[in-house]
Amino acid sequence: MEYTSGADGAAADFPGVFADLVRCETRLYNAVGDRLRERHGIVTSQYEFLGYLRDHPGCRVADLAAEFAIGVGATSKGIDRLEKRGWAARRPNPADRRSSLLALTDDGARLVAEAERTFAEALAELLGGALDAPALAAVAQALAVLRSALERDQVGMPTG
């Protein structure tokens, strides 16, 4: 079934686009996760959390939850798992006793640095192997525009 797009009036198969987008995301996420697990003993979500902690020192659980559009509870559990492995630590927040500031440990920093190459190589293989440079640039541009609009309007943010 085709629908009319509000942007330019052209016909678009929104359910088909949704299905392709979600299935591609799931397969990419799983494939990258398999590679990270095999080489570094972590999964994609752990890699993403570690990278965020590296790039945003002193962030809070709520900051990660907002970035990844997931619930605060799930984010906190993910940080708990990183803490148990010695890759992240919670520190008291001097500005707010109710929250903690997150820090990457030295072991966590080493791990994310090592895993970064695996992550980039896996994506280059998976995306570069299927799309030529112009197609990849077009996909990147389209997704950036869509993400920006969704984030601007706070669409799909979890409530808890």
Protein backbone atom coordinates (compact mmCIF):
# COMPACT_ATOMS: atom_id res chain seq x y z
CA MET A 1 0.00 0.00 0.00
CA GLU A 2 1.35 3.46 -0.85
CA TYR A 3 0.84 6.59 1.15
CA THR A 4 1.35 10.20 0.21
CA SER A 5 4.34 11.84 1.79
CA GLY A 6 3.70 15.17 3.46
CA ALA A 7 7.08 16.53 2.38
CA ASP A 8 6.77 16.52 -1.41
CA GLY A 9 3.52 14.72 -2.19
CA ALA A 10 5.29 11.69 -3.67
CA ALA A 11 3.98 8.20 -3.02
CA ALA A 12 5.86 6.32 -0.32
CA ASP A 13 5.59 2.86 1.19
CA PHE A 14 5.98 3.88 4.85
CA PRO A 15 5.38 0.37 6.26
CA GLY A 16 7.97 -1.02 3.85
CA VAL A 17 10.50 1.66 4.77
CA PHE A 18 9.87 0.97 8.46
CA ALA A 19 10.32 -2.78 8.01
CA ASP A 20 13.55 -2.34 6.04
CA LEU A 21 14.94 0.21 8.49
CA VAL A 22 14.18 -1.89 11.58
CA ARG A 23 15.40 -5.17 10.05
CA CYS A 24 18.62 -3.55 8.82
CA GLU A 25 19.24 -2.00 12.23
CA THR A 26 18.63 -5.30 14.02
CA ARG A 27 20.88 -7.28 11.69
CA LEU A 28 23.68 -4.70 11.82
CA TYR A 29 23.44 -4.45 15.62
CA ASN A 30 23.55 -8.24 15.98
CA ALA A 31 26.40 -8.72 13.51
CA VAL A 32 28.53 -6.02 15.13
CA GLY A 33 27.66 -7.47 18.54
CA ASP A 34 28.79 -10.92 17.44
CA ARG A 35 32.13 -9.51 16.33
CA LEU A 36 32.59 -7.51 19.56
CA ARG A 37 31.65 -10.52 21.71
CA GLU A 38 34.03 -12.78 19.81
CA ARG A 39 37.01 -10.43 20.00
CA HIS A 40 36.44 -8.43 23.20
CA GLY A 41 33.82 -10.21 25.31
CA ILE A 42 31.29 -7.37 25.09
CA VAL A 43 28.08 -6.69 23.19
CA THR A 44 27.13 -3.67 21.12
CA SER A 45 25.19 -1.93 23.89
CA GLN A 46 28.18 -2.23 26.23
CA TYR A 47 30.47 -0.82 23.56
CA GLU A 48 28.11 2.09 23.00
CA PHE A 49 27.85 2.83 26.72
CA LEU A 50 31.63 2.66 27.17
CA GLY A 51 32.15 4.97 24.20
CA TYR A 52 29.63 7.45 25.57
CA LEU A 53 31.32 7.43 28.98
CA ARG A 54 34.68 8.04 27.31
CA ASP A 55 33.33 10.93 25.25
CA HIS A 56 31.18 12.46 28.03
CA PRO A 57 33.10 12.22 31.31
CA GLY A 58 30.96 12.98 34.35
CA CYS A 59 27.67 12.18 32.63
CA ARG A 60 24.70 10.75 34.50
CA VAL A 61 22.57 7.65 33.86
CA ALA A 62 19.80 10.00 32.67
CA ASP A 63 22.17 11.42 30.03
CA LEU A 64 22.83 7.96 28.60
CA ALA A 65 19.13 7.12 28.70
CA ALA A 66 18.32 10.28 26.74
CA GLU A 67 21.09 9.67 24.18
CA PHE A 68 20.04 6.09 23.47
CA ALA A 69 16.28 6.68 23.92
CA ILE A 70 15.96 3.90 26.48
CA GLY A 71 14.51 3.83 29.98
CA VAL A 72 16.49 5.03 32.97
CA GLY A 73 16.02 1.65 34.69
CA ALA A 74 17.46 -0.30 31.76
CA THR A 75 20.32 2.18 31.51
CA SER A 76 21.10 1.87 35.22
CA LYS A 77 21.15 -1.93 34.93
CA GLY A 78 23.53 -1.63 31.98
CA ILE A 79 25.86 0.56 34.05
CA ASP A 80 25.59 -1.94 36.93
CA ARG A 81 26.89 -4.64 34.56
CA LEU A 82 29.79 -2.43 33.45
CA GLU A 83 30.63 -1.67 37.10
CA LYS A 84 30.66 -5.37 37.99
CA ARG A 85 33.20 -5.97 35.22
CA GLY A 86 35.35 -3.08 36.45
CA TRP A 87 34.85 -0.93 33.34
CA ALA A 88 32.80 1.92 34.83
CA ALA A 89 32.25 3.53 38.21
CA ARG A 90 29.65 5.73 39.84
CA ARG A 91 30.91 8.76 41.75
CA PRO A 92 28.92 11.06 44.04
CA ASN A 93 27.47 14.08 42.27
CA PRO A 94 28.51 17.13 44.31
CA ALA A 95 25.70 19.19 42.77
CA ASP A 96 22.92 16.64 43.42
CA ARG A 97 23.04 13.97 46.15
CA ARG A 98 20.27 12.03 44.38
CA SER A 99 22.35 11.27 41.30
CA SER A 100 25.78 9.90 40.51
CA LEU A 101 28.34 10.91 37.95
CA LEU A 102 29.68 8.13 35.76
CA ALA A 103 33.31 7.51 34.99
CA LEU A 104 35.15 5.12 32.74
CA THR A 105 37.82 3.12 34.57
CA ASP A 106 41.28 2.59 33.12
CA ASP A 107 40.25 -0.96 32.17
CA GLY A 108 37.09 0.40 30.52
CA ALA A 109 39.11 2.98 28.59
CA ARG A 110 41.49 0.28 27.33
CA LEU A 111 38.60 -1.97 26.35
CA VAL A 112 36.69 0.67 24.39
CA ALA A 113 39.89 1.75 22.63
CA GLU A 114 40.60 -1.84 21.58
CA ALA A 115 36.98 -2.51 20.57
CA GLU A 116 36.73 0.70 18.55
CA ARG A 117 38.79 -0.75 15.70
CA THR A 118 36.66 -3.92 15.63
CA PHE A 119 33.49 -1.80 15.61
CA ALA A 120 34.72 0.38 12.73
CA GLU A 121 36.00 -2.58 10.71
CA ALA A 122 32.71 -4.48 11.12
CA LEU A 123 30.67 -1.49 9.99
CA ALA A 124 32.96 -0.84 7.03
CA GLU A 125 32.63 -4.46 5.97
CA LEU A 126 28.86 -4.64 6.44
CA LEU A 127 27.90 -1.23 5.06
CA GLY A 128 30.74 -0.73 2.59
CA GLY A 129 30.26 -4.23 1.25
CA ALA A 130 26.62 -3.53 0.40
CA LEU A 131 26.58 0.16 -0.56
CA ASP A 132 28.83 2.22 -2.77
CA ALA A 133 30.02 5.62 -1.53
CA PRO A 134 27.17 7.70 -3.07
CA ALA A 135 24.50 5.33 -1.74
CA LEU A 136 26.07 5.29 1.72
CA ALA A 137 26.25 9.09 1.73
CA ALA A 138 22.57 9.31 0.72
CA VAL A 139 21.53 6.87 3.47
CA ALA A 140 23.63 8.74 6.03
CA GLN A 141 22.08 12.07 5.02
CA ALA A 142 18.53 10.72 5.10
CA LEU A 143 19.00 9.10 8.51
CA ALA A 144 20.61 12.25 9.94
CA VAL A 145 17.62 14.33 8.81
CA LEU A 146 15.15 11.80 10.22
CA ARG A 147 17.02 11.47 13.52
CA SER A 148 17.25 15.23 13.88
CA ALA A 149 13.50 15.65 13.37
CA LEU A 150 12.65 12.84 15.80
CA GLU A 151 15.02 14.19 18.45
CA ARG A 152 13.88 17.78 17.96
CA ASP A 153 10.28 16.74 18.56
CA GLN A 154 11.27 14.25 21.29
CA VAL A 155 9.50 11.44 19.44
CA GLY A 156 9.86 7.95 20.87
CA MET A 157 11.40 8.89 24.18
CA PRO A 158 10.65 6.35 26.92
CA THR A 159 8.57 7.56 29.83
CA GLY A 160 10.44 5.71 32.56
